[in-house]
Amino acid sequence: MADILTPDLCVIGAGSGGLAVAELARAYGASVVLVEKGTLGGNALNTGAVPAKALAAAAAHARNVRDGGQFGVTVEEARVNFRRVHDHIEQVIAALSPASAVSRLGALGIDVVKGTARFINRRAVVVGDTEIRARRFVIATGARSVVPAIAGVDGVPYFTADTILDNTRKLTHLVVIGTGAIAIELAQAYARLGTEVTVIGSGAFLPGLDPELAAVALKRVAEEGVRLVPNAAVTAIQSRSMGIGVAVHDGETDLLLDASHILIAGERIPNLDGLDLAKAGIRLEKSRPAFLQLTAGLRTTNAHVYAVGDVVGSQSVPAAMGQAEAVVRSAVLGALARPSGLVPRLVSTDPAIAEIGLTETTARTKHGVSFRVTRWAFADNDQARAARQTYGLAKLVTDRSGRIIGAGVVGAGASELVALFSLAMSAGMKAGDLASLTVPYPSVAEIAVRLGAEFRRGELQSPLVKYWAALTRLLG
């Protein structure tokens, strides 16, 4: 006879979003069952952000060895042991895994059920011999890489963004297919570790980011030896006795690359297979049939079922955390809630790119000409000069009143600097207020102060301010 569980909340998927939902719901006193068919911790911990950052850290050390001469420090050429690089990645994952262990979750009062969940009606799922009849459900099953329909791709071995971090060998020539952050981050890391890397993109690289900031990072990636081929198509992949042939058309010419390995790091789609969504009355979008049809509060077409994380297309741990809070407030507390749109975006290239709020491009679409952009170069920052990290730029986007509506940084410490801008935006600060901050010297944080002062200087030079100053002098 099947076990029957009747919790307040059933969360399907134990990645960043699912874990956040489960823990927050328990904090509010709800009974929670968490279902996971794979490894607890999800993509971010096991195959995504955490191991990718660990790989990038190893690659940065290799780069630092090569660049030591400019500081007067010279050593032998960096020697990379990919097995030990992989061990480093595994050690980082292992150190963080206890936070999502069954024992810890059990101590919090969360019941973990291992297996694959599928809906049997609008109010229940089954996992093996266990039936779960919950008041509310949350789908947090993540996303997976899509393998493009390229002639010959099924005839060769290839990595995806979910599998390449398991690699333990040096790659001779890695051909990366993709335009987004994952493709560029992994390409730069492998190039720093001594691999020849070519990236083929169907459009411009790093789409959706501020083009000015993206251009700075892409220039550095190219300078480090990564061959970038934008606006091109891989037309065929050929298995050879020695390596792999990759046929590319860039709109004008045909290229034939000799690759040792291929990384497919393009589109990702939600993991929804096997859930039997139709039995629960959960519909998909008509324009994007791989995605769930959701309200602004992340509720599906079944009022008892919500979704968070990569499965809704967020692909960001901060976004998933914000979604989790909104969903728990709605599903557990009955409050009308929707996730905040003020979520930082990070690309872990070197230099890194971090953004929050509107970019210059999106501000132009939303505000027309009624916005202002203020910039400050890393080359004018003393800390950046001391560390020889002058390759960078910070910019603020403000509305007509001077309120900060967006910020972006490309450079060393980008994520920490954008965290400061995030706080300023949450507090409703105006750009000029940043000039009053007191920060350590020297520090990258000084860039925020300089941006505030630069904004004030621009205000003083505006025709309206000059008019009132002249009028005051005349009347005074």
Protein backbone atom coordinates (compact mmCIF):
# COMPACT_ATOMS: atom_id res chain seq x y z
CA MET A 1 0.00 0.00 0.00
CA ALA A 2 1.35 3.44 -0.96
CA ASP A 3 2.36 5.94 1.71
CA ILE A 4 0.26 9.09 1.71
CA LEU A 5 1.74 12.40 2.83
CA THR A 6 -0.38 15.52 3.38
CA PRO A 7 1.98 18.49 3.90
CA ASP A 8 1.13 22.15 3.57
CA LEU A 9 3.70 22.45 0.79
CA CYS A 10 5.39 20.04 -1.62
CA VAL A 11 8.48 21.35 -3.40
CA ILE A 12 9.63 19.45 -6.49
CA GLY A 13 13.35 20.04 -6.99
CA ALA A 14 16.10 20.71 -4.45
CA GLY A 15 18.18 23.32 -6.24
CA SER A 16 18.73 26.88 -5.02
CA GLY A 17 15.13 27.92 -5.56
CA GLY A 18 13.56 24.76 -4.19
CA LEU A 19 15.73 24.73 -1.07
CA ALA A 20 14.99 28.40 -0.44
CA VAL A 21 11.24 27.76 -0.71
CA ALA A 22 11.40 24.75 1.61
CA GLU A 23 13.47 26.46 4.31
CA LEU A 24 11.49 29.70 4.26
CA ALA A 25 8.17 27.83 4.38
CA ARG A 26 9.40 25.89 7.42
CA ALA A 27 10.46 29.16 9.06
CA TYR A 28 6.82 30.24 8.77
CA GLY A 29 5.67 27.00 10.37
CA ALA A 30 4.43 25.14 7.29
CA SER A 31 4.94 21.40 6.92
CA VAL A 32 7.12 20.70 3.89
CA VAL A 33 7.96 17.71 1.69
CA LEU A 34 10.91 18.19 -0.67
CA VAL A 35 11.23 15.87 -3.68
CA GLU A 36 14.51 15.42 -5.55
CA LYS A 37 15.46 12.76 -8.08
CA GLY A 38 19.13 13.74 -8.36
CA THR A 39 21.75 15.36 -6.15
CA LEU A 40 20.58 17.84 -3.54
CA GLY A 41 21.82 21.36 -4.21
CA GLY A 42 20.87 21.45 -7.86
CA ASN A 43 22.71 22.98 -10.79
CA ALA A 44 24.23 25.97 -9.01
CA LEU A 45 26.09 23.80 -6.50
CA ASN A 46 26.90 20.70 -8.52
CA THR A 47 27.34 21.68 -12.18
CA GLY A 48 26.78 25.43 -12.48
CA ALA A 49 27.83 28.62 -10.71
CA VAL A 50 29.89 27.13 -7.87
CA PRO A 51 32.08 24.70 -9.85
CA ALA A 52 32.39 27.21 -12.72
CA LYS A 53 33.63 29.82 -10.27
CA ALA A 54 36.08 27.29 -8.82
CA LEU A 55 37.37 26.55 -12.33
CA ALA A 56 37.70 30.27 -13.04
CA ALA A 57 39.68 30.73 -9.80
CA ALA A 58 42.14 28.03 -10.87
CA ALA A 59 42.44 29.64 -14.29
CA ALA A 60 43.04 33.05 -12.70
CA HIS A 61 45.98 31.63 -10.75
CA ALA A 62 47.49 30.32 -13.98
CA ARG A 63 47.03 33.77 -15.51
CA ASN A 64 48.62 35.46 -12.49
CA VAL A 65 51.73 33.29 -12.84
CA ARG A 66 52.13 34.41 -16.45
CA ASP A 67 51.52 38.08 -15.57
CA GLY A 68 53.85 38.19 -12.56
CA GLY A 69 56.62 39.93 -14.49
CA GLN A 70 54.79 43.26 -14.53
CA PHE A 71 54.97 43.27 -10.71
CA GLY A 72 58.65 42.35 -10.71
CA VAL A 73 57.88 38.75 -9.75
CA THR A 74 58.90 36.04 -12.18
CA VAL A 75 58.38 32.29 -11.84
CA GLU A 76 58.44 29.33 -14.14
CA GLU A 77 55.66 28.92 -16.68
CA ALA A 78 52.44 27.74 -15.09
CA ARG A 79 52.03 23.99 -15.26
CA VAL A 80 48.40 22.86 -15.16
CA ASN A 81 47.35 19.46 -13.81
CA PHE A 82 43.73 19.05 -14.86
CA ARG A 83 43.16 16.16 -12.47
CA ARG A 84 44.14 18.40 -9.57
CA VAL A 85 42.06 21.27 -10.96
CA HIS A 86 39.11 18.87 -10.95
CA ASP A 87 39.96 17.83 -7.39
CA HIS A 88 39.91 21.50 -6.37
CA ILE A 89 36.42 21.88 -7.88
CA GLU A 90 35.19 18.75 -6.08
CA GLN A 91 36.60 20.00 -2.77
CA VAL A 92 34.73 23.28 -3.13
CA ILE A 93 31.47 21.45 -3.86
CA ALA A 94 32.04 19.07 -0.94
CA ALA A 95 32.66 21.97 1.45
CA LEU A 96 29.32 23.54 0.52
CA SER A 97 27.24 20.36 0.24
CA PRO A 98 26.37 20.01 3.96
CA ALA A 99 24.07 23.03 3.65
CA SER A 100 21.76 20.93 1.45
CA ALA A 101 22.30 17.56 3.15
CA VAL A 102 19.30 15.38 4.06
CA SER A 103 20.39 15.41 7.71
CA ARG A 104 20.37 19.21 7.91
CA LEU A 105 17.05 19.51 6.10
CA GLY A 106 15.58 16.85 8.37
CA ALA A 107 16.75 18.79 11.42
CA LEU A 108 14.80 21.77 10.05
CA GLY A 109 11.69 19.60 9.82
CA ILE A 110 11.75 19.17 6.04
CA ASP A 111 10.86 15.66 4.82
CA VAL A 112 13.03 14.69 1.83
CA VAL A 113 11.67 12.14 -0.64
CA LYS A 114 14.13 10.85 -3.25
CA GLY A 115 12.71 10.00 -6.67
CA THR A 116 10.85 11.38 -9.68
CA ALA A 117 7.58 13.21 -9.10
CA ARG A 118 4.62 13.19 -11.47
CA PHE A 119 1.19 14.71 -11.07
CA ILE A 120 -1.76 12.33 -10.96
CA ASN A 121 -4.39 15.08 -10.60
CA ARG A 122 -4.64 18.76 -9.70
CA ARG A 123 -3.90 18.16 -6.01
CA ALA A 124 -1.45 15.24 -5.84
CA VAL A 125 1.84 13.81 -7.10
CA VAL A 126 3.35 10.36 -6.76
CA VAL A 127 7.00 9.56 -6.14
CA GLY A 128 7.56 5.82 -6.40
CA ASP A 129 5.19 4.28 -3.81
CA THR A 130 4.56 7.59 -2.08
CA GLU A 131 1.57 9.80 -2.85
CA ILE A 132 1.81 13.44 -1.78
CA ARG A 133 -1.43 15.38 -1.36
CA ALA A 134 -0.33 18.91 -0.54
CA ARG A 135 -2.21 22.18 -0.10
CA ARG A 136 0.26 23.83 -2.47
CA PHE A 137 3.03 22.69 -4.82
CA VAL A 138 6.14 24.47 -6.11
CA ILE A 139 7.92 23.28 -9.27
CA ALA A 140 11.66 23.98 -8.97
CA THR A 141 13.08 21.39 -11.35
CA GLY A 142 15.69 23.61 -13.02
CA ALA A 143 16.77 23.69 -16.65
CA ARG A 144 18.99 21.75 -19.04
CA SER A 145 21.15 22.48 -22.06
CA VAL A 146 19.59 22.15 -25.50
CA VAL A 147 21.60 20.31 -28.13
CA PRO A 148 21.11 22.18 -31.44
CA ALA A 149 20.07 20.33 -34.59
CA ILE A 150 23.46 20.27 -36.32
CA ALA A 151 24.25 17.66 -38.93
CA GLY A 152 26.60 15.07 -37.43
CA VAL A 153 26.37 16.22 -33.80
CA ASP A 154 24.99 12.86 -32.68
CA GLY A 155 28.01 11.10 -34.15
CA VAL A 156 30.62 12.72 -31.90
CA PRO A 157 31.12 13.04 -28.14
CA TYR A 158 30.48 16.52 -26.79
CA PHE A 159 30.36 18.41 -23.52
CA THR A 160 27.47 20.55 -22.33
CA ALA A 161 27.63 23.23 -19.67
CA ASP A 162 26.30 20.56 -17.28
CA THR A 163 29.08 18.03 -17.99
CA ILE A 164 32.30 19.87 -18.87
CA LEU A 165 33.21 20.53 -15.26
CA ASP A 166 33.62 16.76 -14.82
CA ASN A 167 36.56 16.88 -17.25
CA THR A 168 39.92 15.78 -15.86
CA ARG A 169 42.11 16.11 -18.98
CA LYS A 170 43.76 18.91 -20.89
CA LEU A 171 41.84 19.74 -24.05
CA THR A 172 43.86 20.56 -27.17
CA HIS A 173 41.33 22.66 -29.11
CA LEU A 174 37.92 23.31 -27.58
CA VAL A 175 35.20 24.64 -29.90
CA VAL A 176 32.43 26.30 -27.90
CA ILE A 177 28.98 26.76 -29.45
CA GLY A 178 27.02 29.54 -27.75
CA THR A 179 26.77 33.29 -27.23
CA GLY A 180 25.87 33.70 -23.57
CA ALA A 181 27.71 34.13 -20.31
CA ILE A 182 28.35 30.42 -19.74
CA ALA A 183 30.01 30.05 -23.14
CA ILE A 184 32.34 33.03 -22.64
CA GLU A 185 33.18 32.26 -19.00
CA LEU A 186 34.19 28.67 -19.76
CA ALA A 187 36.04 29.70 -22.91
CA GLN A 188 38.22 32.18 -21.01
CA ALA A 189 38.88 29.74 -18.18
CA TYR A 190 40.01 26.95 -20.51
CA ALA A 191 42.16 29.34 -22.54
CA ARG A 192 43.94 30.43 -19.34
CA LEU A 193 44.55 26.77 -18.52
CA GLY A 194 46.40 26.29 -21.81
CA THR A 195 43.69 25.12 -24.22
CA GLU A 196 43.20 26.60 -27.68
CA VAL A 197 39.61 27.88 -27.70
CA THR A 198 37.27 29.02 -30.46
CA VAL A 199 33.76 30.30 -29.71
CA ILE A 200 31.08 30.18 -32.43
CA GLY A 201 28.03 32.37 -31.80
CA SER A 202 24.80 32.57 -33.78
CA GLY A 203 24.58 36.28 -32.94
CA ALA A 204 26.42 38.87 -30.86
CA PHE A 205 28.17 37.60 -27.73
CA LEU A 206 26.79 38.34 -24.25
CA PRO A 207 23.34 39.38 -25.51
CA GLY A 208 21.09 41.25 -23.10
CA LEU A 209 23.97 42.92 -21.30
CA ASP A 210 25.01 46.55 -21.71
CA PRO A 211 26.92 46.46 -25.05
CA GLU A 212 29.51 48.96 -23.81
CA LEU A 213 30.36 46.82 -20.78
CA ALA A 214 30.24 43.57 -22.73
CA ALA A 215 32.66 44.96 -25.31
CA VAL A 216 35.29 45.59 -22.61
CA ALA A 217 35.12 42.02 -21.30
CA LEU A 218 35.05 40.49 -24.77
CA LYS A 219 38.10 42.51 -25.81
CA ARG A 220 40.05 41.10 -22.86
CA VAL A 221 38.87 37.55 -23.63
CA ALA A 222 40.04 37.93 -27.23
CA GLU A 223 43.38 39.43 -26.12
CA GLU A 224 43.96 36.32 -24.02
CA GLY A 225 43.80 34.17 -27.13
CA VAL A 226 40.17 33.10 -27.41
CA ARG A 227 39.02 33.22 -31.02
CA LEU A 228 35.53 34.77 -31.13
CA VAL A 229 33.40 34.17 -34.22
CA PRO A 230 30.05 36.01 -33.82
CA ASN A 231 27.07 35.92 -36.18
CA ALA A 232 28.05 32.52 -37.51
CA ALA A 233 26.44 29.10 -37.82
CA VAL A 234 27.87 25.63 -37.30
CA THR A 235 26.61 23.85 -40.40
CA ALA A 236 28.06 20.38 -39.80
CA ILE A 237 30.15 18.34 -37.42
CA GLN A 238 32.30 15.53 -38.75
CA SER A 239 33.79 12.61 -36.84
CA ARG A 240 37.41 11.97 -37.77
CA SER A 241 39.99 9.36 -36.86
CA MET A 242 41.91 12.14 -35.10
CA GLY A 243 39.63 14.79 -33.64
CA ILE A 244 36.46 16.45 -34.87
CA GLY A 245 35.80 18.64 -37.91
CA VAL A 246 33.53 21.64 -37.34
CA ALA A 247 32.15 23.39 -40.43
CA VAL A 248 31.24 27.05 -39.85
CA HIS A 249 29.63 29.69 -42.07
CA ASP A 250 29.96 33.29 -40.87
CA GLY A 251 27.82 34.90 -43.55
CA GLU A 252 30.71 35.56 -45.91
CA THR A 253 33.14 32.68 -45.69
CA ASP A 254 33.18 29.00 -44.83
CA LEU A 255 35.55 27.78 -42.12
CA LEU A 256 36.58 24.24 -41.25
CA LEU A 257 37.96 23.93 -37.72
CA ASP A 258 39.97 21.01 -36.38
CA ALA A 259 38.68 20.48 -32.85
CA SER A 260 39.65 18.00 -30.19
CA HIS A 261 36.47 18.62 -28.17
CA ILE A 262 33.14 20.43 -28.48
CA LEU A 263 31.22 22.30 -25.79
CA ILE A 264 27.56 23.07 -26.40
CA ALA A 265 26.75 26.02 -24.17
CA GLY A 266 23.75 27.67 -25.77
CA GLU A 267 20.04 27.69 -24.99
CA ARG A 268 18.68 26.13 -21.81
CA ILE A 269 15.08 24.99 -21.38
CA PRO A 270 13.05 23.99 -18.30
CA ASN A 271 13.15 20.44 -16.96
CA LEU A 272 9.47 19.53 -17.23
CA ASP A 273 9.61 16.07 -18.78
CA GLY A 274 7.82 13.37 -16.82
CA LEU A 275 5.82 15.71 -14.58
CA ASP A 276 2.52 14.92 -16.38
CA LEU A 277 1.55 18.59 -16.18
CA ALA A 278 -1.64 18.08 -18.18
CA LYS A 279 -3.10 15.89 -15.42
CA ALA A 280 -2.69 18.83 -13.06
CA GLY A 281 -4.24 21.34 -15.46
CA ILE A 282 -0.91 23.13 -15.93
CA ARG A 283 -0.53 24.71 -19.35
CA LEU A 284 2.55 25.88 -21.26
CA GLU A 285 3.04 29.15 -23.12
CA LYS A 286 1.79 29.19 -26.70
CA SER A 287 4.68 31.32 -27.95
CA ARG A 288 7.28 29.37 -25.95
CA PRO A 289 5.93 25.83 -25.60
CA ALA A 290 8.90 24.73 -23.47
CA PHE A 291 7.98 27.21 -20.70
CA LEU A 292 5.24 27.27 -18.10
CA GLN A 293 2.39 29.75 -18.43
CA LEU A 294 2.72 31.87 -15.28
CA THR A 295 1.18 34.88 -13.59
CA ALA A 296 3.30 37.77 -12.31
CA GLY A 297 3.23 36.02 -8.94
CA LEU A 298 4.69 32.83 -10.49
CA ARG A 299 1.45 30.85 -10.20
CA THR A 300 0.70 28.31 -12.93
CA THR A 301 -2.70 27.76 -14.55
CA ASN A 302 -3.39 25.45 -11.59
CA ALA A 303 -3.98 27.86 -8.69
CA HIS A 304 -2.40 25.37 -6.27
CA VAL A 305 0.92 25.15 -8.15
CA TYR A 306 3.76 27.69 -8.38
CA ALA A 307 7.22 27.66 -9.99
CA VAL A 308 10.61 29.21 -9.18
CA GLY A 309 14.21 29.22 -10.39
CA ASP A 310 15.68 28.07 -13.68
CA VAL A 311 12.45 26.31 -14.59
CA VAL A 312 10.90 29.76 -15.12
CA GLY A 313 13.95 31.04 -16.99
CA SER A 314 15.68 33.01 -14.22
CA GLN A 315 19.07 31.19 -14.38
CA SER A 316 20.33 33.18 -11.39
CA VAL A 317 20.59 32.25 -7.72
CA PRO A 318 19.60 35.77 -6.49
CA ALA A 319 16.57 35.70 -8.80
CA ALA A 320 15.55 32.27 -7.51
CA MET A 321 15.90 33.45 -3.90
CA GLY A 322 13.69 36.45 -4.56
CA GLN A 323 11.13 34.28 -6.32
CA ALA A 324 11.16 31.85 -3.41
CA GLU A 325 10.28 34.60 -0.94
CA ALA A 326 7.41 35.84 -3.11
CA VAL A 327 6.01 32.34 -3.65
CA VAL A 328 6.15 31.40 0.05
CA ARG A 329 4.40 34.63 1.02
CA SER A 330 1.67 33.79 -1.49
CA ALA A 331 1.39 30.01 -1.05
CA VAL A 332 1.88 29.82 2.73
CA LEU A 333 0.77 33.21 4.05
CA GLY A 334 -1.90 33.95 1.43
CA ALA A 335 -0.40 37.37 0.67
CA LEU A 336 -0.39 38.94 -2.79
CA ALA A 337 3.30 38.91 -3.65
CA ARG A 338 5.49 39.04 -6.68
CA PRO A 339 9.30 38.88 -6.95
CA SER A 340 11.32 42.07 -6.99
CA GLY A 341 12.73 43.17 -10.33
CA LEU A 342 15.81 44.57 -8.57
CA VAL A 343 18.08 41.54 -8.98
CA PRO A 344 21.82 41.82 -9.72
CA ARG A 345 23.16 40.11 -12.85
CA LEU A 346 26.70 38.76 -12.89
CA VAL A 347 28.97 37.41 -15.63
CA SER A 348 32.11 35.85 -14.15
CA THR A 349 34.55 36.73 -16.90
CA ASP A 350 37.75 38.58 -16.08
CA PRO A 351 37.05 41.43 -15.92
CA ALA A 352 33.65 40.51 -14.51
CA ILE A 353 30.43 42.24 -15.55
CA ALA A 354 27.78 43.08 -12.95
CA GLU A 355 24.54 44.95 -13.56
CA ILE A 356 21.38 45.88 -11.71
CA GLY A 357 18.23 47.62 -12.87
CA LEU A 358 18.04 49.20 -16.31
CA THR A 359 20.90 49.27 -18.78
CA GLU A 360 21.47 52.27 -20.99
CA THR A 361 19.70 50.42 -23.81
CA THR A 362 16.62 49.47 -21.78
CA ALA A 363 16.47 52.95 -20.24
CA ARG A 364 16.33 54.45 -23.71
CA THR A 365 13.40 52.19 -24.57
CA LYS A 366 11.54 52.98 -21.35
CA HIS A 367 12.42 56.64 -20.78
CA GLY A 368 13.27 57.97 -24.24
CA VAL A 369 15.70 60.83 -23.71
CA SER A 370 14.62 61.48 -20.11
CA PHE A 371 17.54 59.73 -18.48
CA ARG A 372 21.21 60.36 -17.91
CA VAL A 373 24.32 58.17 -17.90
CA THR A 374 27.35 58.93 -15.69
CA ARG A 375 30.62 57.03 -16.20
CA TRP A 376 33.88 56.50 -14.33
CA ALA A 377 36.89 54.56 -15.64
CA PHE A 378 38.86 52.10 -13.52
CA ALA A 379 42.01 53.74 -14.93
CA ASP A 380 41.14 56.74 -12.73
CA ASN A 381 40.93 54.67 -9.53
CA ASP A 382 44.02 54.44 -7.31
CA GLN A 383 43.34 50.90 -6.10
CA ALA A 384 42.91 49.67 -9.66
CA ARG A 385 46.17 51.35 -10.65
CA ALA A 386 48.06 49.81 -7.73
CA ALA A 387 46.80 46.34 -8.66
CA ARG A 388 47.25 46.92 -12.41
CA GLN A 389 43.54 46.24 -12.89
CA THR A 390 42.66 49.38 -14.83
CA TYR A 391 40.70 47.48 -17.48
CA GLY A 392 37.18 48.51 -16.58
CA LEU A 393 34.30 50.97 -16.47
CA ALA A 394 31.41 51.80 -14.14
CA LYS A 395 28.24 53.62 -15.12
CA LEU A 396 25.07 54.86 -13.46
CA VAL A 397 21.74 55.33 -15.20
CA THR A 398 19.50 57.95 -13.57
CA ASP A 399 16.05 59.30 -14.29
CA ARG A 400 15.06 62.95 -14.65
CA SER A 401 15.07 63.46 -10.86
CA GLY A 402 18.51 61.89 -10.37
CA ARG A 403 17.17 58.66 -8.88
CA ILE A 404 19.37 55.66 -9.75
CA ILE A 405 17.42 53.33 -12.03
CA GLY A 406 20.33 51.19 -13.19
CA ALA A 407 24.02 50.54 -12.70
CA GLY A 408 26.66 48.48 -14.45
CA VAL A 409 30.30 47.67 -13.87
CA VAL A 410 32.93 45.80 -15.84
CA GLY A 411 36.15 45.43 -13.90
CA ALA A 412 37.81 43.96 -10.82
CA GLY A 413 35.39 43.85 -7.88
CA ALA A 414 32.39 44.45 -10.14
CA SER A 415 30.04 42.29 -8.06
CA GLU A 416 30.93 44.05 -4.80
CA LEU A 417 30.54 47.48 -6.37
CA VAL A 418 27.14 46.60 -7.82
CA ALA A 419 26.09 45.32 -4.39
CA LEU A 420 26.66 48.87 -3.13
CA PHE A 421 24.55 50.26 -5.98
CA SER A 422 21.85 47.70 -5.19
CA LEU A 423 21.66 49.00 -1.63
CA ALA A 424 21.53 52.59 -2.88
CA MET A 425 18.69 51.76 -5.28
CA SER A 426 16.74 49.85 -2.61
CA ALA A 427 17.07 52.87 -0.32
CA GLY A 428 15.83 55.22 -3.05
CA MET A 429 19.08 57.20 -3.06
CA LYS A 430 19.87 59.67 -5.78
CA ALA A 431 23.13 59.53 -7.68
CA GLY A 432 24.44 62.70 -6.04
CA ASP A 433 24.04 61.11 -2.60
CA LEU A 434 26.88 58.72 -3.40
CA ALA A 435 29.31 61.63 -3.25
CA SER A 436 28.70 61.84 0.51
CA LEU A 437 29.79 58.26 1.19
CA THR A 438 32.95 57.71 3.21
CA VAL A 439 34.86 54.66 1.95
CA PRO A 440 38.32 53.18 2.61
CA TYR A 441 41.30 54.49 0.66
CA PRO A 442 42.44 53.09 -1.62
CA SER A 443 39.50 50.93 -2.68
CA VAL A 444 37.38 50.16 -5.72
CA ALA A 445 34.42 51.47 -3.69
CA GLU A 446 35.79 54.96 -4.31
CA ILE A 447 34.39 54.65 -7.82
CA ALA A 448 30.89 54.98 -6.34
CA VAL A 449 31.89 58.23 -4.64
CA ARG A 450 33.46 59.52 -7.85
CA LEU A 451 30.32 58.68 -9.80
CA GLY A 452 28.25 60.65 -7.29
CA ALA A 453 30.58 63.63 -7.56
CA GLU A 454 30.59 63.44 -11.34
CA PHE A 455 26.79 63.39 -11.35
CA ARG A 456 26.68 66.50 -9.12
CA ARG A 457 29.17 68.24 -11.41
CA GLY A 458 26.90 67.56 -14.35
CA GLU A 459 23.93 68.96 -12.48
CA LEU A 460 25.81 72.17 -11.73
CA GLN A 461 26.57 72.54 -15.42
CA SER A 462 22.94 72.14 -16.50
CA PRO A 463 21.32 75.20 -18.13
CA LEU A 464 18.56 75.34 -15.47
CA VAL A 465 21.02 75.42 -12.55
CA LYS A 466 23.13 78.07 -14.31
CA TYR A 467 19.99 80.15 -14.90
CA TRP A 468 18.95 80.05 -11.21
CA ALA A 469 22.51 80.81 -10.09
CA ALA A 470 22.65 83.82 -12.37
CA LEU A 471 19.20 84.97 -11.20
CA THR A 472 20.22 84.59 -7.54
CA ARG A 473 23.34 86.71 -8.10
CA LEU A 474 21.28 89.33 -9.92
CA LEU A 475 18.67 89.57 -7.14
CA GLY A 476 21.20 89.24 -4.32
